[in-house]
Amino acid sequence: MEQITKYIIIITSLMTVKLTVTESKNDTKPKIERRYYQPIFINVCDIEDRRSKVHCYCDNNKPKMASRADCWIFSGGITENDPIWPNFSSQSEIEHLMFNVRSDDALTFIPAKAIVRLDKLKHLTIQFGTIQRIPPYAFTNSSTIRQIVLKANKITNLERHAFSQMMMLSNLSLDDNQISEIRRDVFFGLPNLHILHLSNNNLTLIHEGCFKHLNNLIELKLDFNYISVVTREMLEGLENLSRLNLRNNKLTMIGNLAFSDLWGLKELMLDHNAIEYVSERAFGGLTQLRKLTLAGNKLKTFYEDILEDVRSLIVLDLRDNLVETISYDTIRPVVENDKALSSVVYLDGNPLHCDCRLSWVYLLRNETRDNILRHALEKVSCVDDPPERRVEQDDEEGNDNILSDDNYDYYDKSDDVSDYNDKNKKSKAKKLTDVPLESLPCPKELMQTVEENYGQPVQNEIRLKAFSKPEQEIIQEHREQEPFIPPDLGLKSESKH
């Protein structure tokens, strides 16, 4: 019996040892597995590993204390699933986040897995990356982001709903990329977008209605692109737009009512295109327009009624075009704007003809009290109408065949020859106000018109005709006053017989 008891004790002891070892092993194994698989917590504002592809410099390195982070991506190969992106939750209070890419192909995507962890993010900047496409919902429908700047990222393609359902976004900049077209529904669900910059891209095609959801947009910059046509449908939906910049594109003409849907437009910049023709109702509907700039184009004429609908205009810039003459009636809506404390018209750099049709420049210069307008008028230059040009005109008037070889050759000149002639004209220009008013010649067609209507004219009558007041008023003023001194403009020193 005693022997049996010993055996029982020994067996019991062995079983206890086995169970203890087994439990110990079971306890150890999960611990080893957790130690191996558990991701290491990283504070993105305090990365010490030099091998890391992302380094962030923050205004506060303590966890969840930074509000601003300037991150640098130094080498390529980082993926959308890299473990660095979830670790941005270590600084969930960041409001301003910038990614600076230091090498080609180092960043080829929008780091959405970092953005989604920043519940207070307001300003996001990514620059110098190689992000060729912006996919749908690239910014995870963030409800806090107010500004996105994606400068110089070699972006070529904006996909449908690329910027969508971002209710607080007010400023979006896509400058210095390679975007060639804007499709419909790229900008969708952006009720607070006020500023959109697309400068210096490769834009040639803007689809009709692509801006129709941006009802609250205030500023649109499309300068330094390759846009050749502007239509009313292209700008549909921008009724609250205040500033439109189309400088440095490839526009050659502006058609009727091209901007008529832009009821609130105050500034329209069309400088440095190749505009040769502006239709008479090109700016129809722009009742609030204050500034219109057309400098550096190829305009030869600017019609008298072209600004008829633009009664709030205070700045008109026509510098460096090919305009040969311009009447007072044309610029009257600008200089007689009752709502403006001051207004200005810029005309210098045009090959204006030195003739009596520019008499209004002298009169307005002496009458105005606005120094800016006076200085602008004093810069106006003109060129003498060369005798050979007058001979050519006389020959053309006597030629009934409008398809003659001479006419064809004249209009078939190469751009190089035309540019040379334009530059040659400008090189011979002289300051208009240095020429005595009484010595300005009057074109034959103007003299003939006055003579047909009122009999044999005198020189002052023709100058008044060029000043473009109503014809009856012109003749009546002249006949009542001899010598003629304009009663409302007070030009005494330069109006002489």
Protein backbone atom coordinates (compact mmCIF):
# COMPACT_ATOMS: atom_id res chain seq x y z
CA MET A 1 0.00 0.00 0.00
CA GLU A 2 2.81 2.31 0.87
CA GLN A 3 4.48 1.49 -2.42
CA ILE A 4 1.34 2.35 -4.36
CA THR A 5 1.10 5.66 -2.55
CA LYS A 6 4.65 6.56 -3.60
CA TYR A 7 3.85 5.81 -7.23
CA ILE A 8 0.76 7.99 -7.06
CA ILE A 9 2.78 10.91 -5.60
CA ILE A 10 5.48 10.54 -8.28
CA ILE A 11 2.92 10.46 -11.13
CA THR A 12 1.11 13.47 -9.67
CA SER A 13 4.39 15.41 -9.43
CA LEU A 14 5.28 14.63 -13.04
CA MET A 15 1.88 15.77 -14.27
CA THR A 16 2.19 19.05 -12.36
CA VAL A 17 5.61 19.73 -13.91
CA LYS A 18 4.30 19.02 -17.42
CA LEU A 19 1.31 21.31 -16.98
CA THR A 20 3.53 24.10 -15.64
CA VAL A 21 5.95 23.80 -18.57
CA THR A 22 3.08 23.78 -21.04
CA GLU A 23 1.47 26.82 -19.50
CA SER A 24 4.80 28.56 -19.44
CA LYS A 25 5.31 27.83 -23.10
CA ASN A 26 1.79 29.01 -23.92
CA ASP A 27 2.40 32.21 -21.97
CA THR A 28 5.71 32.89 -23.69
CA LYS A 29 4.63 32.29 -27.29
CA PRO A 30 1.98 35.05 -27.55
CA LYS A 31 4.38 37.49 -25.94
CA ILE A 32 7.02 36.71 -28.54
CA GLU A 33 4.47 37.05 -31.36
CA ARG A 34 3.20 40.41 -30.06
CA ARG A 35 6.73 41.73 -29.75
CA TYR A 36 7.45 40.73 -33.35
CA TYR A 37 4.27 41.97 -35.10
CA GLN A 38 3.25 45.02 -33.09
CA PRO A 39 4.13 48.23 -35.07
CA ILE A 40 6.49 50.57 -33.31
CA PHE A 41 4.91 53.91 -32.37
CA ILE A 42 6.65 56.80 -34.17
CA ASN A 43 6.29 60.47 -33.43
CA VAL A 44 6.49 62.01 -36.93
CA CYS A 45 7.86 65.22 -35.42
CA ASP A 46 10.73 63.40 -33.75
CA ILE A 47 12.07 60.84 -36.24
CA GLU A 48 15.62 59.89 -35.28
CA ASP A 49 16.24 57.19 -37.89
CA ARG A 50 18.31 58.78 -40.67
CA ARG A 51 17.16 56.04 -43.05
CA SER A 52 13.59 57.31 -42.88
CA LYS A 53 12.32 58.67 -46.20
CA VAL A 54 10.23 61.33 -44.44
CA HIS A 55 11.46 63.86 -41.91
CA CYS A 56 9.16 66.46 -40.40
CA TYR A 57 10.11 69.66 -38.62
CA CYS A 58 7.35 70.86 -36.32
CA ASP A 59 6.60 73.80 -34.08
CA ASN A 60 6.33 71.37 -31.15
CA ASN A 61 7.89 67.90 -30.99
CA LYS A 62 5.81 66.55 -28.12
CA PRO A 63 3.13 64.01 -29.15
CA LYS A 64 -0.21 65.57 -30.15
CA MET A 65 1.14 69.08 -29.54
CA ALA A 66 2.29 70.23 -33.01
CA SER A 67 0.05 72.53 -35.04
CA ARG A 68 2.44 73.02 -37.97
CA ALA A 69 4.65 70.44 -39.73
CA ASP A 70 7.09 70.99 -42.59
CA CYS A 71 7.93 67.53 -43.96
CA TRP A 72 10.70 66.67 -46.42
CA ILE A 73 10.77 63.60 -48.64
CA PHE A 74 14.37 62.95 -49.67
CA SER A 75 14.41 59.70 -51.65
CA GLY A 76 12.14 57.65 -53.88
CA GLY A 77 10.39 54.38 -53.35
CA ILE A 78 7.90 55.42 -50.70
CA THR A 79 4.50 53.77 -51.26
CA GLU A 80 0.93 54.53 -50.28
CA ASN A 81 1.10 51.68 -47.74
CA ASP A 82 4.30 52.79 -46.05
CA PRO A 83 3.97 52.55 -42.22
CA ILE A 84 4.98 56.21 -41.87
CA TRP A 85 1.55 57.47 -42.98
CA PRO A 86 -0.55 55.96 -40.11
CA ASN A 87 1.95 57.42 -37.66
CA PHE A 88 0.74 60.93 -38.50
CA SER A 89 -1.91 60.17 -35.89
CA SER A 90 0.88 60.87 -33.37
CA GLN A 91 0.34 64.55 -34.23
CA SER A 92 -3.40 64.68 -34.76
CA GLU A 93 -3.55 68.41 -33.90
CA ILE A 94 -1.65 69.52 -37.04
CA GLU A 95 -3.41 72.35 -38.90
CA HIS A 96 -0.70 73.33 -41.41
CA LEU A 97 1.06 70.50 -43.26
CA MET A 98 3.62 70.88 -46.03
CA PHE A 99 5.41 68.21 -48.07
CA ASN A 100 8.57 69.30 -49.88
CA VAL A 101 9.84 66.70 -52.34
CA ARG A 102 13.58 66.77 -52.93
CA SER A 103 14.07 64.22 -55.73
CA ASP A 104 12.24 62.99 -58.82
CA ASP A 105 9.66 60.24 -58.23
CA ALA A 106 10.10 60.52 -54.46
CA LEU A 107 6.36 61.18 -54.11
CA THR A 108 3.97 60.03 -56.84
CA PHE A 109 0.60 60.16 -55.03
CA ILE A 110 -1.50 62.18 -52.60
CA PRO A 111 -0.72 60.79 -49.10
CA ALA A 112 -4.36 60.23 -48.20
CA LYS A 113 -3.54 57.82 -45.35
CA ALA A 114 -1.78 60.64 -43.54
CA ILE A 115 -4.43 63.26 -44.31
CA VAL A 116 -7.30 61.11 -43.04
CA ARG A 117 -5.71 60.99 -39.56
CA LEU A 118 -5.51 64.76 -39.18
CA ASP A 119 -8.92 65.87 -37.97
CA LYS A 120 -7.91 69.53 -37.65
CA LEU A 121 -5.96 69.97 -40.88
CA LYS A 122 -6.72 73.31 -42.56
CA HIS A 123 -3.82 74.04 -44.93
CA LEU A 124 -2.13 71.40 -47.09
CA THR A 125 0.80 72.04 -49.44
CA ILE A 126 2.58 69.49 -51.64
CA GLN A 127 5.24 70.81 -54.00
CA PHE A 128 7.85 69.49 -56.44
CA GLY A 129 6.49 65.95 -56.49
CA THR A 130 5.72 63.72 -59.49
CA ILE A 131 1.99 63.30 -58.99
CA GLN A 132 0.77 62.77 -62.52
CA ARG A 133 -2.89 62.22 -61.67
CA ILE A 134 -5.33 63.31 -59.01
CA PRO A 135 -7.79 60.41 -58.55
CA PRO A 136 -11.40 60.71 -57.39
CA TYR A 137 -11.77 61.77 -53.76
CA ALA A 138 -8.01 62.07 -53.38
CA PHE A 139 -8.36 64.13 -50.21
CA THR A 140 -10.73 61.73 -48.44
CA ASN A 141 -13.63 64.18 -48.42
CA SER A 142 -11.93 66.18 -45.70
CA SER A 143 -14.38 68.45 -43.93
CA THR A 144 -11.70 70.69 -42.39
CA ILE A 145 -9.23 71.55 -45.18
CA ARG A 146 -9.55 75.17 -46.31
CA GLN A 147 -6.53 75.54 -48.57
CA ILE A 148 -4.75 73.12 -50.91
CA VAL A 149 -1.60 74.11 -52.81
CA LEU A 150 -0.26 71.57 -55.32
CA LYS A 151 2.52 73.53 -56.98
CA ALA A 152 4.93 72.07 -59.55
CA ASN A 153 3.96 68.41 -59.16
CA LYS A 154 3.92 67.51 -62.89
CA ILE A 155 0.17 66.87 -62.68
CA THR A 156 -1.32 66.07 -66.09
CA ASN A 157 -4.72 64.57 -65.29
CA LEU A 158 -7.52 65.75 -63.02
CA GLU A 159 -10.05 62.93 -62.79
CA ARG A 160 -13.76 63.28 -62.19
CA HIS A 161 -14.52 64.23 -58.57
CA ALA A 162 -10.81 64.72 -57.88
CA PHE A 163 -11.82 67.64 -55.66
CA SER A 164 -15.20 66.76 -54.27
CA GLN A 165 -17.25 67.07 -51.11
CA MET A 166 -14.71 69.30 -49.40
CA MET A 167 -17.20 71.61 -47.78
CA MET A 168 -14.71 74.05 -46.25
CA LEU A 169 -12.22 74.33 -49.12
CA SER A 170 -11.88 78.00 -50.12
CA ASN A 171 -8.51 78.21 -51.89
CA LEU A 172 -7.14 75.74 -54.45
CA SER A 173 -3.88 76.29 -56.35
CA LEU A 174 -2.66 74.03 -59.16
CA ASP A 175 -0.04 76.38 -60.59
CA ASP A 176 3.04 75.23 -62.52
CA ASN A 177 1.83 71.79 -63.56
CA GLN A 178 1.16 70.14 -66.94
CA ILE A 179 -2.64 70.01 -66.99
CA SER A 180 -3.93 70.18 -70.58
CA GLU A 181 -7.71 70.10 -70.08
CA ILE A 182 -10.39 70.66 -67.47
CA ARG A 183 -13.23 68.13 -67.63
CA ARG A 184 -16.68 68.37 -66.18
CA ASP A 185 -17.28 67.42 -62.54
CA VAL A 186 -13.66 67.78 -61.49
CA PHE A 187 -14.72 70.58 -59.15
CA PHE A 188 -17.85 69.23 -57.54
CA GLY A 189 -19.34 69.75 -54.10
CA LEU A 190 -17.16 72.77 -53.27
CA PRO A 191 -19.70 75.34 -52.05
CA ASN A 192 -17.09 77.58 -50.39
CA LEU A 193 -14.38 77.61 -53.05
CA HIS A 194 -13.48 81.27 -53.61
CA ILE A 195 -10.06 81.16 -55.31
CA LEU A 196 -8.91 78.78 -58.07
CA HIS A 197 -5.45 79.14 -59.62
CA LEU A 198 -4.45 77.21 -62.76
CA SER A 199 -1.60 79.43 -63.93
CA ASN A 200 1.30 78.14 -66.01
CA ASN A 201 -0.13 74.82 -67.17
CA ASN A 202 -0.68 73.40 -70.67
CA LEU A 203 -4.39 74.17 -70.83
CA THR A 204 -5.81 74.09 -74.35
CA LEU A 205 -9.28 72.69 -73.67
CA ILE A 206 -11.77 73.81 -71.05
CA HIS A 207 -14.96 71.78 -71.34
CA GLU A 208 -18.28 73.59 -71.33
CA GLY A 209 -19.81 73.63 -67.87
CA CYS A 210 -16.65 72.53 -66.07
CA PHE A 211 -17.02 75.45 -63.63
CA LYS A 212 -20.80 75.33 -63.33
CA HIS A 213 -20.70 74.04 -59.72
CA LEU A 214 -18.45 76.88 -58.54
CA ASN A 215 -21.18 79.41 -57.95
CA ASN A 216 -19.24 81.21 -55.22
CA LEU A 217 -15.88 81.46 -56.97
CA ILE A 218 -14.43 84.98 -56.74
CA GLU A 219 -11.04 84.69 -58.48
CA LEU A 220 -10.02 82.48 -61.41
CA LYS A 221 -6.47 82.56 -62.78
CA LEU A 222 -5.86 80.91 -66.16
CA ASP A 223 -2.82 82.92 -67.24
CA PHE A 224 0.23 81.44 -69.00
CA ASN A 225 -1.64 78.65 -70.77
CA TYR A 226 -2.57 77.86 -74.39
CA ILE A 227 -6.25 78.78 -74.40
CA SER A 228 -7.29 79.97 -77.88
CA VAL A 229 -11.07 80.36 -77.47
CA VAL A 230 -13.31 81.81 -74.77
CA THR A 231 -17.03 81.09 -74.93
CA ARG A 232 -19.99 81.90 -72.75
CA GLU A 233 -20.62 78.17 -72.10
CA MET A 234 -17.05 77.67 -70.91
CA LEU A 235 -17.61 80.13 -68.06
CA GLU A 236 -21.09 78.95 -67.13
CA GLY A 237 -21.92 79.12 -63.44
CA LEU A 238 -19.42 81.83 -62.48
CA GLU A 239 -21.98 84.53 -61.82
CA ASN A 240 -20.17 85.70 -58.67
CA LEU A 241 -16.68 85.79 -60.21
CA SER A 242 -14.97 89.11 -59.50
CA ARG A 243 -11.53 88.64 -61.08
CA LEU A 244 -10.63 86.71 -64.25
CA ASN A 245 -7.02 86.50 -65.44
CA LEU A 246 -6.48 85.23 -69.01
CA ARG A 247 -3.12 86.88 -69.63
CA ASN A 248 -0.47 85.20 -71.77
CA ASN A 249 -2.66 82.75 -73.66
CA LYS A 250 -3.33 82.23 -77.39
CA LEU A 251 -6.57 84.16 -77.80
CA THR A 252 -7.01 85.77 -81.22
CA MET A 253 -10.51 87.23 -80.90
CA ILE A 254 -13.26 87.93 -78.39
CA GLY A 255 -16.76 87.16 -79.63
CA ASN A 256 -20.10 88.68 -78.70
CA LEU A 257 -21.25 88.19 -75.10
CA ALA A 258 -18.30 85.92 -74.29
CA PHE A 259 -18.37 87.02 -70.64
CA SER A 260 -22.06 87.84 -70.29
CA ASP A 261 -22.69 85.21 -67.57
CA LEU A 262 -20.10 86.87 -65.32
CA TRP A 263 -22.53 89.40 -63.88
CA GLY A 264 -20.32 90.30 -60.93
CA LEU A 265 -17.00 90.59 -62.81
CA LYS A 266 -14.94 93.60 -61.76
CA GLU A 267 -11.50 92.85 -63.29
CA LEU A 268 -10.83 91.25 -66.68
CA MET A 269 -7.22 90.80 -67.77
CA LEU A 270 -6.56 89.80 -71.38
CA ASP A 271 -3.02 91.13 -71.80
CA HIS A 272 -0.34 89.52 -73.96
CA ASN A 273 -2.46 87.31 -76.15
CA ALA A 274 -2.71 87.60 -79.94
CA ILE A 275 -6.10 89.32 -80.03
CA GLU A 276 -6.74 91.00 -83.37
CA TYR A 277 -10.48 91.49 -83.13
CA VAL A 278 -12.90 92.35 -80.35
CA SER A 279 -16.56 92.30 -81.37
CA GLU A 280 -18.78 95.26 -80.56
CA ARG A 281 -20.67 93.36 -77.85
CA ALA A 282 -17.73 91.36 -76.51
CA PHE A 283 -18.15 92.89 -73.06
CA GLY A 284 -21.92 92.99 -73.06
CA GLY A 285 -23.45 92.28 -69.67
CA LEU A 286 -20.40 93.35 -67.66
CA THR A 287 -22.19 96.15 -65.87
CA GLN A 288 -19.90 96.01 -62.83
CA LEU A 289 -16.57 95.79 -64.67
CA ARG A 290 -14.04 98.24 -63.22
CA LYS A 291 -10.79 97.22 -64.89
CA LEU A 292 -10.19 95.98 -68.45
CA THR A 293 -6.65 95.32 -69.66
CA LEU A 294 -5.81 94.40 -73.27
CA ALA A 295 -2.15 95.42 -73.40
CA GLY A 296 0.30 93.60 -75.65
CA ASN A 297 -2.16 92.31 -78.25
CA LYS A 298 -2.60 92.94 -81.99
CA LEU A 299 -5.64 95.22 -81.96
CA LYS A 300 -5.77 97.68 -84.83
CA THR A 301 -9.20 99.14 -84.07
CA PHE A 302 -11.32 99.67 -81.00
CA TYR A 303 -14.93 100.47 -81.88
CA GLU A 304 -16.78 103.47 -80.47
CA ASP A 305 -19.61 101.42 -78.97
CA ILE A 306 -17.47 98.62 -77.59
CA LEU A 307 -17.73 99.91 -74.00
CA GLU A 308 -21.36 100.96 -74.26
CA ASP A 309 -22.52 98.36 -71.72
CA VAL A 310 -19.55 98.85 -69.40
CA ARG A 311 -20.56 101.91 -67.43
CA SER A 312 -18.55 101.23 -64.27
CA LEU A 313 -15.14 101.03 -65.98
CA ILE A 314 -12.37 103.16 -64.44
CA VAL A 315 -9.24 101.52 -65.92
CA LEU A 316 -8.75 100.77 -69.62
CA ASP A 317 -5.32 99.53 -70.72
CA LEU A 318 -4.67 99.33 -74.48
CA ARG A 319 -0.90 99.73 -74.38
CA ASP A 320 1.37 98.11 -76.95
CA ASN A 321 -1.22 97.23 -79.56
CA LEU A 322 -1.46 98.27 -83.23
CA VAL A 323 -4.23 100.86 -82.81
CA GLU A 324 -3.89 103.66 -85.39
CA THR A 325 -6.59 105.99 -84.08
CA ILE A 326 -9.13 106.12 -81.30
CA SER A 327 -12.00 108.52 -80.75
CA TYR A 328 -13.16 110.25 -77.62
CA ASP A 329 -16.51 108.49 -77.88
CA THR A 330 -14.70 105.18 -77.44
CA ILE A 331 -13.16 106.08 -74.10
CA ARG A 332 -15.99 108.35 -72.94
CA PRO A 333 -17.55 105.69 -70.62
CA VAL A 334 -14.24 105.55 -68.72
CA VAL A 335 -13.33 109.21 -68.29
CA GLU A 336 -16.92 110.36 -67.71
CA ASN A 337 -17.78 107.68 -65.16
CA ASP A 338 -19.80 109.52 -62.51
CA LYS A 339 -19.17 106.77 -59.95
CA ALA A 340 -15.37 107.03 -60.15
CA LEU A 341 -13.21 109.35 -58.10
CA SER A 342 -10.49 108.83 -60.68
CA SER A 343 -10.13 106.95 -63.95
CA VAL A 344 -7.34 106.28 -66.42
CA VAL A 345 -6.83 105.22 -70.03
CA TYR A 346 -3.45 103.86 -71.18
CA LEU A 347 -2.67 104.19 -74.90
CA ASP A 348 1.12 104.45 -75.16
CA GLY A 349 2.98 101.99 -77.35
CA ASN A 350 0.44 102.19 -80.21
CA PRO A 351 1.26 103.51 -83.72
CA LEU A 352 -1.41 106.23 -83.50
CA HIS A 353 -1.51 108.58 -86.48
CA CYS A 354 -0.55 112.18 -85.73
CA ASP A 355 -3.77 113.79 -86.94
CA CYS A 356 -6.66 115.85 -85.62
CA ARG A 357 -8.62 112.79 -84.51
CA LEU A 358 -6.41 112.81 -81.41
CA SER A 359 -7.33 116.38 -80.46
CA TRP A 360 -9.28 115.07 -77.49
CA VAL A 361 -6.00 113.94 -75.87
CA TYR A 362 -4.85 117.58 -75.57
CA LEU A 363 -8.20 118.75 -74.31
CA LEU A 364 -8.62 115.98 -71.75
CA ARG A 365 -5.07 116.32 -70.50
CA ASN A 366 -5.61 120.01 -69.70
CA GLU A 367 -9.06 119.48 -68.25
CA THR A 368 -8.44 116.54 -65.91
CA ARG A 369 -7.42 117.04 -62.31
CA ASP A 370 -6.34 113.43 -61.97
CA ASN A 371 -2.55 113.18 -62.07
CA ILE A 372 -2.61 109.50 -63.06
CA LEU A 373 -4.77 110.18 -66.10
CA ARG A 374 -2.73 113.24 -67.05
CA HIS A 375 0.56 111.30 -66.92
CA ALA A 376 -0.98 108.48 -68.96
CA LEU A 377 -2.09 110.93 -71.66
CA GLU A 378 1.30 112.62 -71.71
CA LYS A 379 2.89 109.28 -72.59
CA VAL A 380 0.76 108.88 -75.73
CA SER A 381 2.91 108.87 -78.87
CA CYS A 382 2.04 109.04 -82.53
CA VAL A 383 3.58 108.54 -85.96
CA ASP A 384 3.26 110.67 -89.05
CA ASP A 385 1.18 109.17 -91.83
CA PRO A 386 3.87 108.46 -94.46
CA PRO A 387 3.28 109.84 -97.98
CA GLU A 388 3.70 106.41 -99.55
CA ARG A 389 0.85 105.07 -97.40
CA ARG A 390 -1.45 107.86 -98.57
CA VAL A 391 -0.56 107.07 -102.18
CA GLU A 392 -1.35 103.40 -101.61
CA GLN A 393 -4.72 104.34 -100.12
CA ASP A 394 -5.54 106.54 -103.12
CA ASP A 395 -4.61 103.71 -105.47
CA GLU A 396 -6.75 101.25 -103.52
CA GLU A 397 -9.72 103.61 -103.60
CA GLY A 398 -9.54 103.70 -107.40
CA ASN A 399 -9.26 99.93 -107.71
CA ASP A 400 -12.65 98.25 -108.01
CA ASN A 401 -11.23 94.73 -108.05
CA ILE A 402 -10.94 93.77 -104.40
CA LEU A 403 -9.33 90.47 -105.37
CA SER A 404 -6.52 92.08 -107.36
CA ASP A 405 -3.01 90.75 -107.03
CA ASP A 406 -1.86 93.93 -105.29
CA ASN A 407 -4.44 93.57 -102.54
CA TYR A 408 -3.73 89.88 -102.18
CA ASP A 409 -0.02 90.52 -101.80
CA TYR A 410 -0.68 93.19 -99.20
CA TYR A 411 -2.70 90.85 -96.98
CA ASP A 412 -0.43 87.91 -97.63
CA LYS A 413 2.63 89.43 -96.00
CA SER A 414 4.48 87.22 -93.60
CA ASP A 415 4.33 87.86 -89.88
CA ASP A 416 8.02 88.73 -89.88
CA VAL A 417 7.51 91.56 -92.37
CA SER A 418 4.42 92.75 -90.53
CA ASP A 419 6.22 92.74 -87.19
CA TYR A 420 9.12 94.62 -88.75
CA ASN A 421 6.79 97.30 -90.09
CA ASP A 422 5.06 97.62 -86.72
CA LYS A 423 8.36 98.00 -84.90
CA ASN A 424 9.54 100.48 -87.51
CA LYS A 425 6.43 102.58 -86.95
CA LYS A 426 6.93 102.59 -83.20
CA SER A 427 10.58 103.51 -83.57
CA LYS A 428 9.54 106.67 -85.46
CA ALA A 429 6.94 107.62 -82.88
CA LYS A 430 6.99 110.99 -81.17
CA LYS A 431 5.25 112.33 -78.13
CA LEU A 432 1.82 113.54 -79.18
CA THR A 433 1.67 116.52 -76.85
CA ASP A 434 4.99 117.78 -78.24
CA VAL A 435 3.22 118.36 -81.55
CA PRO A 436 1.30 121.71 -81.67
CA LEU A 437 -2.41 121.06 -81.79
CA GLU A 438 -2.98 123.45 -84.70
CA SER A 439 -0.41 121.62 -86.82
CA LEU A 440 -2.19 118.26 -86.67
CA PRO A 441 -3.42 117.36 -90.17
CA CYS A 442 -6.91 116.00 -90.76
CA PRO A 443 -7.58 112.91 -92.89
CA LYS A 444 -9.27 113.46 -96.26
CA GLU A 445 -12.22 111.25 -95.34
CA LEU A 446 -12.93 113.29 -92.21
CA MET A 447 -12.82 116.59 -94.11
CA GLN A 448 -15.12 115.17 -96.77
CA THR A 449 -17.68 114.02 -94.16
CA VAL A 450 -17.81 117.41 -92.49
CA GLU A 451 -18.06 119.20 -95.85
CA GLU A 452 -20.92 116.99 -97.02
CA ASN A 453 -22.92 117.65 -93.86
CA TYR A 454 -22.19 121.29 -93.17
CA GLY A 455 -20.56 122.89 -96.20
CA GLN A 456 -16.96 123.97 -96.47
CA PRO A 457 -15.31 123.31 -93.06
CA VAL A 458 -12.61 125.18 -91.22
CA GLN A 459 -9.79 123.47 -89.39
CA ASN A 460 -11.27 123.86 -85.89
CA GLU A 461 -14.53 122.30 -87.00
CA ILE A 462 -12.65 119.22 -88.11
CA ARG A 463 -10.74 119.03 -84.87
CA LEU A 464 -14.01 119.17 -83.01
CA LYS A 465 -15.38 116.44 -85.25
CA ALA A 466 -12.39 114.33 -84.28
CA PHE A 467 -13.17 115.06 -80.64
CA SER A 468 -16.41 113.15 -81.29
CA LYS A 469 -19.06 115.30 -79.71
CA PRO A 470 -22.45 115.22 -81.43
CA GLU A 471 -21.98 116.85 -84.81
CA GLN A 472 -24.68 119.50 -84.36
CA GLU A 473 -23.12 120.56 -81.07
CA ILE A 474 -19.71 120.78 -82.71
CA ILE A 475 -20.79 123.13 -85.48
CA GLN A 476 -22.96 125.24 -83.19
CA GLU A 477 -20.12 125.73 -80.70
CA HIS A 478 -17.75 126.76 -83.44
CA ARG A 479 -20.14 129.26 -85.05
CA GLU A 480 -20.96 130.87 -81.71
CA GLN A 481 -17.33 131.28 -80.68
CA GLU A 482 -14.50 132.73 -82.76
CA PRO A 483 -11.70 131.94 -82.16
CA PHE A 484 -12.85 128.61 -80.81
CA ILE A 485 -12.06 127.82 -77.16
CA PRO A 486 -13.89 124.77 -75.77
CA PRO A 487 -16.08 126.18 -73.00
CA ASP A 488 -16.06 123.07 -70.82
CA LEU A 489 -12.48 121.97 -71.29
CA GLY A 490 -10.71 125.34 -71.03
CA LEU A 491 -7.95 124.71 -73.56
CA LYS A 492 -6.58 128.23 -74.05
CA SER A 493 -2.89 127.89 -74.52
CA GLU A 494 -3.00 125.37 -77.36
CA SER A 495 -6.15 126.23 -79.38
CA LYS A 496 -4.93 128.93 -81.70
CA HIS A 497 -5.61 130.03 -85.28
